[in-house]
């Protein structure tokens, strides 16, 4: 994929709302384009996560568990961001990601993402407020579910 195409894809993702063209260009320039054949593992559950992936074409299955206990949780298509938490925190993969079809991915490196946030503190503040709002929404949804189980 050409650099301008990568920038367009990144600009369409919610995580990068508010990023200026130059910031997206830096992110795309440091990214790696990867092709993964159908039925191949992209990453395994429990692996250390140091990057995120953007699906630019094809579909990816998220799977929990292995072998007979494996459960397919979700199938994701183009313009989907996988593992965004890995861009900002040391974490491990909560699921495995497997190419359901031939897949094209953009691999986004945590080190570069953090450097961009250091150089542009307004982006860090924007992400902080966005993540805080999403966390509050998640807590509210969990509280609603908890009410159902208390009876």
N, C-alpha and C. Protein backbone atom coordinates (compact mmCIF):
# COMPACT_ATOMS: atom_id res chain seq x y z
N UNK A 1 0.84 -1.18 0.00
CA UNK A 1 0.00 0.00 0.00
C UNK A 1 0.89 1.24 0.00
N UNK A 2 0.50 2.26 -0.71
CA UNK A 2 1.25 3.50 -0.76
C UNK A 2 1.04 4.29 0.53
N UNK A 3 2.00 5.14 0.85
CA UNK A 3 1.95 5.93 2.08
C UNK A 3 0.65 6.73 2.18
N UNK A 4 0.24 7.36 1.10
CA UNK A 4 -1.00 8.16 1.12
C UNK A 4 -2.22 7.29 1.39
N UNK A 5 -2.22 6.06 0.88
CA UNK A 5 -3.32 5.13 1.16
C UNK A 5 -3.35 4.76 2.63
N UNK A 6 -2.18 4.49 3.21
CA UNK A 6 -2.10 4.18 4.64
C UNK A 6 -2.62 5.34 5.48
N UNK A 7 -2.25 6.55 5.11
CA UNK A 7 -2.70 7.74 5.84
C UNK A 7 -4.22 7.84 5.79
N UNK A 8 -4.80 7.60 4.62
CA UNK A 8 -6.26 7.64 4.48
C UNK A 8 -6.94 6.61 5.37
N UNK A 9 -6.39 5.40 5.41
CA UNK A 9 -6.95 4.34 6.25
C UNK A 9 -6.87 4.75 7.72
N UNK A 10 -5.70 5.21 8.16
CA UNK A 10 -5.53 5.61 9.56
C UNK A 10 -6.47 6.76 9.93
N UNK A 11 -6.65 7.71 9.02
CA UNK A 11 -7.52 8.86 9.29
C UNK A 11 -8.96 8.44 9.51
N UNK A 12 -9.36 7.30 8.96
CA UNK A 12 -10.73 6.83 9.11
C UNK A 12 -11.01 6.05 10.39
N UNK A 13 -9.99 5.83 11.21
CA UNK A 13 -10.16 5.07 12.44
C UNK A 13 -10.43 5.99 13.62
N UNK A 14 -11.35 5.59 14.48
CA UNK A 14 -11.77 6.42 15.61
C UNK A 14 -10.60 6.80 16.52
N UNK A 15 -9.66 5.89 16.75
CA UNK A 15 -8.55 6.19 17.65
C UNK A 15 -7.74 7.38 17.17
N UNK A 16 -7.69 7.60 15.86
CA UNK A 16 -6.86 8.66 15.31
C UNK A 16 -7.63 9.93 14.96
N UNK A 17 -8.89 10.02 15.40
CA UNK A 17 -9.64 11.27 15.22
C UNK A 17 -8.89 12.37 15.96
N UNK A 18 -8.73 13.50 15.32
CA UNK A 18 -8.02 14.61 15.94
C UNK A 18 -6.55 14.66 15.56
N UNK A 19 -6.03 13.62 14.94
CA UNK A 19 -4.65 13.63 14.49
C UNK A 19 -4.57 14.49 13.23
N UNK A 20 -3.57 15.35 13.16
CA UNK A 20 -3.33 16.17 11.97
C UNK A 20 -2.69 15.30 10.88
N UNK A 21 -2.74 15.79 9.66
CA UNK A 21 -2.18 15.06 8.52
C UNK A 21 -0.71 14.70 8.76
N UNK A 22 0.06 15.62 9.29
CA UNK A 22 1.48 15.36 9.52
C UNK A 22 1.69 14.27 10.57
N UNK A 23 0.86 14.25 11.59
CA UNK A 23 0.97 13.22 12.63
C UNK A 23 0.61 11.85 12.05
N UNK A 24 -0.41 11.81 11.22
CA UNK A 24 -0.78 10.56 10.56
C UNK A 24 0.33 10.10 9.61
N UNK A 25 0.96 11.06 8.94
CA UNK A 25 2.06 10.74 8.03
C UNK A 25 3.22 10.10 8.79
N UNK A 26 3.56 10.66 9.96
CA UNK A 26 4.63 10.08 10.78
C UNK A 26 4.30 8.65 11.19
N UNK A 27 3.06 8.45 11.60
CA UNK A 27 2.62 7.12 12.03
C UNK A 27 2.66 6.13 10.86
N UNK A 28 2.16 6.55 9.71
CA UNK A 28 2.13 5.68 8.53
C UNK A 28 3.54 5.40 8.01
N UNK A 29 4.41 6.40 8.07
CA UNK A 29 5.78 6.23 7.57
C UNK A 29 6.53 5.17 8.38
N UNK A 30 6.27 5.13 9.69
CA UNK A 30 6.94 4.17 10.55
C UNK A 30 6.24 2.82 10.63
N UNK A 31 5.12 2.69 9.95
CA UNK A 31 4.35 1.45 9.99
C UNK A 31 4.91 0.44 9.00
N UNK A 32 4.50 -0.80 9.18
CA UNK A 32 4.93 -1.88 8.30
C UNK A 32 3.69 -2.53 7.68
N UNK A 33 3.71 -2.71 6.38
CA UNK A 33 2.62 -3.41 5.69
C UNK A 33 2.94 -4.90 5.64
N UNK A 34 1.96 -5.71 6.03
CA UNK A 34 2.15 -7.15 6.15
C UNK A 34 1.03 -7.88 5.41
N UNK A 35 1.39 -8.96 4.73
CA UNK A 35 0.41 -9.86 4.12
C UNK A 35 0.41 -11.16 4.90
N UNK A 36 -0.79 -11.66 5.23
CA UNK A 36 -0.92 -12.92 5.95
C UNK A 36 -1.89 -13.81 5.17
N UNK A 37 -1.47 -15.03 4.90
CA UNK A 37 -2.30 -15.98 4.15
C UNK A 37 -3.44 -16.49 5.03
N UNK A 38 -4.52 -16.89 4.38
CA UNK A 38 -5.68 -17.44 5.09
C UNK A 38 -5.26 -18.57 6.01
N UNK A 39 -5.91 -18.63 7.16
CA UNK A 39 -5.70 -19.66 8.19
C UNK A 39 -4.37 -19.56 8.92
N UNK A 40 -3.63 -18.50 8.70
CA UNK A 40 -2.35 -18.30 9.41
C UNK A 40 -2.59 -17.45 10.64
N UNK A 41 -1.78 -17.70 11.67
CA UNK A 41 -1.87 -16.96 12.93
C UNK A 41 -1.22 -15.59 12.78
N UNK A 42 -1.92 -14.55 13.20
CA UNK A 42 -1.37 -13.20 13.22
C UNK A 42 -0.68 -12.97 14.56
N UNK A 43 -1.36 -13.31 15.64
CA UNK A 43 -0.76 -13.33 16.97
C UNK A 43 -1.53 -14.31 17.84
N UNK A 44 -0.87 -14.78 18.90
CA UNK A 44 -1.46 -15.80 19.77
C UNK A 44 -1.90 -15.21 21.10
N UNK A 45 -2.99 -15.74 21.62
CA UNK A 45 -3.48 -15.37 22.94
C UNK A 45 -2.35 -15.54 23.96
N UNK A 46 -2.18 -14.53 24.80
CA UNK A 46 -1.15 -14.58 25.83
C UNK A 46 0.19 -14.00 25.41
N UNK A 47 0.41 -13.81 24.10
CA UNK A 47 1.66 -13.21 23.64
C UNK A 47 1.78 -11.78 24.16
N UNK A 48 3.01 -11.34 24.38
CA UNK A 48 3.26 -9.95 24.71
C UNK A 48 2.88 -9.09 23.51
N UNK A 49 2.21 -7.98 23.77
CA UNK A 49 1.71 -7.12 22.69
C UNK A 49 2.52 -5.82 22.64
N UNK A 50 3.21 -5.60 21.52
CA UNK A 50 4.00 -4.38 21.37
C UNK A 50 3.57 -3.55 20.17
N UNK A 51 2.44 -3.94 19.56
CA UNK A 51 1.98 -3.24 18.37
C UNK A 51 0.48 -3.47 18.19
N UNK A 52 -0.09 -2.67 17.32
CA UNK A 52 -1.49 -2.85 16.91
C UNK A 52 -1.48 -3.14 15.41
N UNK A 53 -2.57 -3.67 14.92
CA UNK A 53 -2.71 -3.97 13.50
C UNK A 53 -3.98 -3.34 12.97
N UNK A 54 -3.90 -2.80 11.76
CA UNK A 54 -5.07 -2.31 11.05
C UNK A 54 -5.33 -3.27 9.89
N UNK A 55 -6.54 -3.79 9.82
CA UNK A 55 -6.91 -4.66 8.71
C UNK A 55 -7.27 -3.75 7.53
N UNK A 56 -6.52 -3.88 6.44
CA UNK A 56 -6.83 -3.06 5.26
C UNK A 56 -7.59 -3.84 4.20
N UNK A 57 -7.45 -5.16 4.21
CA UNK A 57 -8.28 -6.00 3.35
C UNK A 57 -8.32 -7.41 3.92
N UNK A 58 -9.41 -8.11 3.63
CA UNK A 58 -9.59 -9.46 4.14
C UNK A 58 -10.32 -9.45 5.48
N UNK A 59 -10.39 -10.64 6.10
CA UNK A 59 -11.07 -10.75 7.39
C UNK A 59 -10.21 -11.53 8.37
N UNK A 60 -10.38 -11.17 9.65
CA UNK A 60 -9.61 -11.75 10.75
C UNK A 60 -10.58 -12.30 11.78
N UNK A 61 -10.29 -13.50 12.29
CA UNK A 61 -11.09 -14.10 13.37
C UNK A 61 -10.35 -13.89 14.68
N UNK A 62 -11.09 -13.45 15.71
CA UNK A 62 -10.56 -13.40 17.06
C UNK A 62 -11.03 -14.65 17.78
N UNK A 63 -10.09 -15.39 18.36
CA UNK A 63 -10.37 -16.69 18.95
C UNK A 63 -9.85 -16.73 20.38
N UNK A 64 -10.67 -17.26 21.29
CA UNK A 64 -10.25 -17.45 22.69
C UNK A 64 -10.08 -18.94 22.94
N UNK A 65 -8.95 -19.31 23.53
CA UNK A 65 -8.68 -20.71 23.80
C UNK A 65 -8.00 -21.39 22.62
N UNK A 66 -7.68 -22.67 22.82
CA UNK A 66 -7.01 -23.43 21.76
C UNK A 66 -7.63 -24.82 21.63
N UNK A 67 -7.37 -25.43 20.51
CA UNK A 67 -7.83 -26.80 20.29
C UNK A 67 -9.33 -26.95 20.40
N UNK A 68 -9.76 -27.98 21.15
CA UNK A 68 -11.19 -28.28 21.29
C UNK A 68 -11.94 -27.22 22.07
N UNK A 69 -11.22 -26.44 22.89
CA UNK A 69 -11.89 -25.41 23.70
C UNK A 69 -11.90 -24.04 23.03
N UNK A 70 -11.36 -23.95 21.81
CA UNK A 70 -11.31 -22.67 21.11
C UNK A 70 -12.72 -22.18 20.77
N UNK A 71 -12.94 -20.90 21.02
CA UNK A 71 -14.23 -20.27 20.72
C UNK A 71 -13.97 -19.05 19.85
N UNK A 72 -14.61 -19.02 18.68
CA UNK A 72 -14.50 -17.84 17.81
C UNK A 72 -15.41 -16.76 18.38
N UNK A 73 -14.80 -15.62 18.73
CA UNK A 73 -15.54 -14.54 19.37
C UNK A 73 -16.09 -13.54 18.37
N UNK A 74 -15.31 -13.27 17.32
CA UNK A 74 -15.69 -12.20 16.41
C UNK A 74 -14.91 -12.34 15.11
N UNK A 75 -15.52 -11.87 14.02
CA UNK A 75 -14.83 -11.77 12.74
C UNK A 75 -14.82 -10.31 12.35
N UNK A 76 -13.64 -9.81 12.02
CA UNK A 76 -13.45 -8.39 11.72
C UNK A 76 -12.96 -8.22 10.29
N UNK A 77 -13.41 -7.13 9.66
CA UNK A 77 -13.03 -6.86 8.28
C UNK A 77 -12.18 -5.62 8.14
N UNK A 78 -12.18 -5.10 6.94
CA UNK A 78 -11.36 -3.93 6.60
C UNK A 78 -11.66 -2.74 7.49
N UNK A 79 -10.63 -1.92 7.65
CA UNK A 79 -10.69 -0.69 8.44
C UNK A 79 -11.01 -0.95 9.91
N UNK A 80 -10.46 -2.06 10.42
CA UNK A 80 -10.61 -2.41 11.82
C UNK A 80 -9.24 -2.37 12.48
N UNK A 81 -9.19 -1.82 13.69
CA UNK A 81 -7.96 -1.74 14.47
C UNK A 81 -7.95 -2.87 15.49
N UNK A 82 -6.90 -3.68 15.48
CA UNK A 82 -6.75 -4.79 16.42
C UNK A 82 -5.67 -4.46 17.44
N UNK A 83 -5.98 -4.63 18.71
CA UNK A 83 -4.96 -4.50 19.75
C UNK A 83 -4.50 -3.09 20.02
N UNK A 84 -5.41 -2.12 19.95
CA UNK A 84 -5.02 -0.73 20.14
C UNK A 84 -4.44 -0.45 21.52
N UNK A 85 -4.85 -1.21 22.53
CA UNK A 85 -4.30 -1.02 23.87
C UNK A 85 -2.79 -1.20 23.88
N UNK A 86 -2.27 -2.05 23.01
CA UNK A 86 -0.83 -2.30 22.93
C UNK A 86 -0.05 -1.05 22.52
N UNK A 87 -0.71 -0.08 21.92
CA UNK A 87 -0.02 1.15 21.53
C UNK A 87 0.31 2.03 22.73
N UNK A 88 -0.43 1.87 23.82
CA UNK A 88 -0.22 2.77 24.95
C UNK A 88 0.18 2.06 26.24
N UNK A 89 0.03 0.75 26.30
CA UNK A 89 0.31 0.03 27.55
C UNK A 89 1.01 -1.29 27.28
N UNK A 90 1.84 -1.69 28.24
CA UNK A 90 2.43 -3.03 28.18
C UNK A 90 1.33 -4.01 28.54
N UNK A 91 1.03 -4.89 27.65
CA UNK A 91 -0.09 -5.81 27.85
C UNK A 91 0.18 -7.11 27.10
N UNK A 92 -0.69 -8.06 27.28
CA UNK A 92 -0.61 -9.30 26.51
C UNK A 92 -1.89 -9.45 25.70
N UNK A 93 -1.84 -10.28 24.70
CA UNK A 93 -2.99 -10.46 23.80
C UNK A 93 -4.09 -11.26 24.51
N UNK A 94 -5.31 -10.70 24.61
CA UNK A 94 -6.40 -11.41 25.27
C UNK A 94 -7.01 -12.52 24.41
N UNK A 95 -6.76 -12.47 23.11
CA UNK A 95 -7.27 -13.48 22.18
C UNK A 95 -6.19 -13.77 21.15
N UNK A 96 -6.41 -14.79 20.36
CA UNK A 96 -5.58 -15.03 19.18
C UNK A 96 -6.27 -14.38 17.99
N UNK A 97 -5.48 -13.95 17.02
CA UNK A 97 -6.02 -13.41 15.77
C UNK A 97 -5.54 -14.31 14.64
N UNK A 98 -6.48 -14.79 13.85
CA UNK A 98 -6.19 -15.72 12.75
C UNK A 98 -6.77 -15.13 11.47
N UNK A 99 -6.00 -15.17 10.40
CA UNK A 99 -6.49 -14.69 9.11
C UNK A 99 -7.58 -15.65 8.62
N UNK A 100 -8.81 -15.15 8.49
CA UNK A 100 -9.91 -15.97 7.97
C UNK A 100 -9.82 -16.08 6.45
N UNK A 101 -9.29 -15.03 5.84
CA UNK A 101 -9.02 -15.00 4.40
C UNK A 101 -7.60 -14.45 4.26
N UNK A 102 -7.10 -14.33 3.04
CA UNK A 102 -5.84 -13.61 2.86
C UNK A 102 -6.07 -12.19 3.37
N UNK A 103 -5.11 -11.69 4.15
CA UNK A 103 -5.29 -10.41 4.84
C UNK A 103 -4.11 -9.50 4.56
N UNK A 104 -4.41 -8.22 4.40
CA UNK A 104 -3.39 -7.17 4.35
C UNK A 104 -3.53 -6.36 5.62
N UNK A 105 -2.40 -6.12 6.30
CA UNK A 105 -2.40 -5.42 7.58
C UNK A 105 -1.40 -4.28 7.57
N UNK A 106 -1.68 -3.28 8.39
CA UNK A 106 -0.69 -2.26 8.72
C UNK A 106 -0.30 -2.51 10.17
N UNK A 107 0.99 -2.72 10.42
CA UNK A 107 1.49 -2.96 11.78
C UNK A 107 1.99 -1.63 12.34
N UNK A 108 1.36 -1.20 13.45
CA UNK A 108 1.71 0.06 14.10
C UNK A 108 2.53 -0.22 15.35
N UNK A 109 3.71 0.36 15.42
CA UNK A 109 4.67 0.12 16.48
C UNK A 109 4.39 0.99 17.71
N UNK A 110 4.40 0.39 18.91
CA UNK A 110 4.16 1.15 20.14
C UNK A 110 5.21 2.24 20.36
N UNK A 111 6.46 1.93 20.13
CA UNK A 111 7.53 2.91 20.38
C UNK A 111 7.31 4.18 19.57
N UNK A 112 6.98 4.03 18.30
CA UNK A 112 6.73 5.19 17.45
C UNK A 112 5.48 5.94 17.91
N UNK A 113 4.43 5.21 18.25
CA UNK A 113 3.19 5.85 18.70
C UNK A 113 3.45 6.68 19.96
N UNK A 114 4.19 6.12 20.91
CA UNK A 114 4.51 6.86 22.14
C UNK A 114 5.35 8.09 21.84
N UNK A 115 6.29 7.96 20.90
CA UNK A 115 7.13 9.11 20.55
C UNK A 115 6.27 10.23 19.96
N UNK A 116 5.29 9.87 19.13
CA UNK A 116 4.39 10.89 18.57
C UNK A 116 3.61 11.57 19.68
N UNK A 117 3.13 10.80 20.66
CA UNK A 117 2.39 11.39 21.78
C UNK A 117 3.28 12.31 22.61
N UNK A 118 4.57 11.96 22.75
CA UNK A 118 5.50 12.82 23.48
C UNK A 118 5.74 14.12 22.73
N UNK A 119 5.85 14.04 21.42
CA UNK A 119 6.10 15.22 20.60
C UNK A 119 4.86 16.11 20.46
N UNK A 120 3.68 15.51 20.60
CA UNK A 120 2.42 16.24 20.46
C UNK A 120 1.57 15.99 21.70
N UNK A 121 1.87 16.68 22.81
CA UNK A 121 1.14 16.42 24.06
C UNK A 121 -0.36 16.66 23.96
N UNK A 122 -0.80 17.48 23.03
CA UNK A 122 -2.23 17.70 22.87
C UNK A 122 -2.93 16.41 22.40
N UNK A 123 -2.22 15.59 21.64
CA UNK A 123 -2.77 14.30 21.24
C UNK A 123 -2.90 13.37 22.43
N UNK A 124 -1.89 13.40 23.30
CA UNK A 124 -1.93 12.56 24.51
C UNK A 124 -3.12 12.96 25.37
N UNK A 125 -3.36 14.27 25.51
CA UNK A 125 -4.50 14.75 26.30
C UNK A 125 -5.82 14.33 25.66
N UNK A 126 -5.90 14.42 24.35
CA UNK A 126 -7.11 14.01 23.62
C UNK A 126 -7.38 12.52 23.82
N UNK A 127 -6.35 11.70 23.69
CA UNK A 127 -6.52 10.26 23.88
C UNK A 127 -6.90 9.94 25.32
N UNK A 128 -6.29 10.64 26.27
CA UNK A 128 -6.61 10.42 27.68
C UNK A 128 -8.09 10.67 27.94
N UNK A 129 -8.60 11.78 27.44
CA UNK A 129 -10.02 12.09 27.69
C UNK A 129 -10.93 11.10 26.96
N UNK A 130 -10.55 10.68 25.75
CA UNK A 130 -11.36 9.72 25.00
C UNK A 130 -11.37 8.36 25.71
N UNK A 131 -10.21 7.90 26.17
CA UNK A 131 -10.13 6.61 26.87
C UNK A 131 -10.89 6.68 28.19
N UNK A 132 -10.79 7.79 28.90
CA UNK A 132 -11.53 7.96 30.16
C UNK A 132 -13.03 7.87 29.93
N UNK A 133 -13.51 8.52 28.88
CA UNK A 133 -14.94 8.48 28.57
C UNK A 133 -15.38 7.06 28.22
N UNK A 134 -14.57 6.35 27.43
CA UNK A 134 -14.92 4.97 27.06
C UNK A 134 -14.91 4.06 28.29
N UNK A 135 -13.98 4.29 29.20
CA UNK A 135 -13.92 3.49 30.42
C UNK A 135 -15.14 3.74 31.30
N UNK A 136 -15.55 5.00 31.41
CA UNK A 136 -16.76 5.32 32.19
C UNK A 136 -17.99 4.66 31.58
N UNK A 137 -18.06 4.66 30.26
CA UNK A 137 -19.19 4.01 29.57
C UNK A 137 -19.18 2.51 29.83
N UNK A 138 -18.01 1.90 29.80
CA UNK A 138 -17.89 0.47 30.06
C UNK A 138 -18.31 0.14 31.49
N UNK A 139 -17.88 0.93 32.45
CA UNK A 139 -18.26 0.72 33.85
C UNK A 139 -19.77 0.83 34.02
N UNK A 140 -20.38 1.79 33.35
CA UNK A 140 -21.84 1.95 33.43
C UNK A 140 -22.56 0.73 32.86
N UNK A 141 -22.06 0.20 31.74
CA UNK A 141 -22.68 -1.00 31.15
C UNK A 141 -22.51 -2.21 32.05
N UNK A 142 -21.36 -2.33 32.69
CA UNK A 142 -21.13 -3.44 33.62
C UNK A 142 -22.07 -3.32 34.81
N UNK A 143 -22.26 -2.11 35.30
CA UNK A 143 -23.17 -1.89 36.44
C UNK A 143 -24.59 -2.31 36.07
N UNK A 144 -25.01 -2.01 34.84
CA UNK A 144 -26.35 -2.42 34.39
C UNK A 144 -26.47 -3.94 34.36
N UNK A 145 -25.43 -4.61 33.90
CA UNK A 145 -25.44 -6.07 33.88
C UNK A 145 -25.44 -6.64 35.29
N UNK A 146 -24.71 -6.02 36.19
CA UNK A 146 -24.63 -6.50 37.57
C UNK A 146 -26.01 -6.47 38.22
N UNK A 147 -26.80 -5.45 37.91
CA UNK A 147 -28.16 -5.36 38.46
C UNK A 147 -29.00 -6.57 38.06
N UNK A 148 -28.80 -7.09 36.87
CA UNK A 148 -29.55 -8.25 36.40
C UNK A 148 -29.21 -9.52 37.18
N UNK A 149 -27.99 -9.62 37.64
CA UNK A 149 -27.54 -10.83 38.31
C UNK A 149 -27.72 -10.80 39.82
N UNK A 150 -28.10 -9.67 40.38
CA UNK A 150 -28.26 -9.56 41.82
C UNK A 150 -29.54 -10.18 42.33
N UNK A 151 -30.52 -10.35 41.48
CA UNK A 151 -31.81 -10.90 41.92
C UNK A 151 -31.78 -12.35 42.16
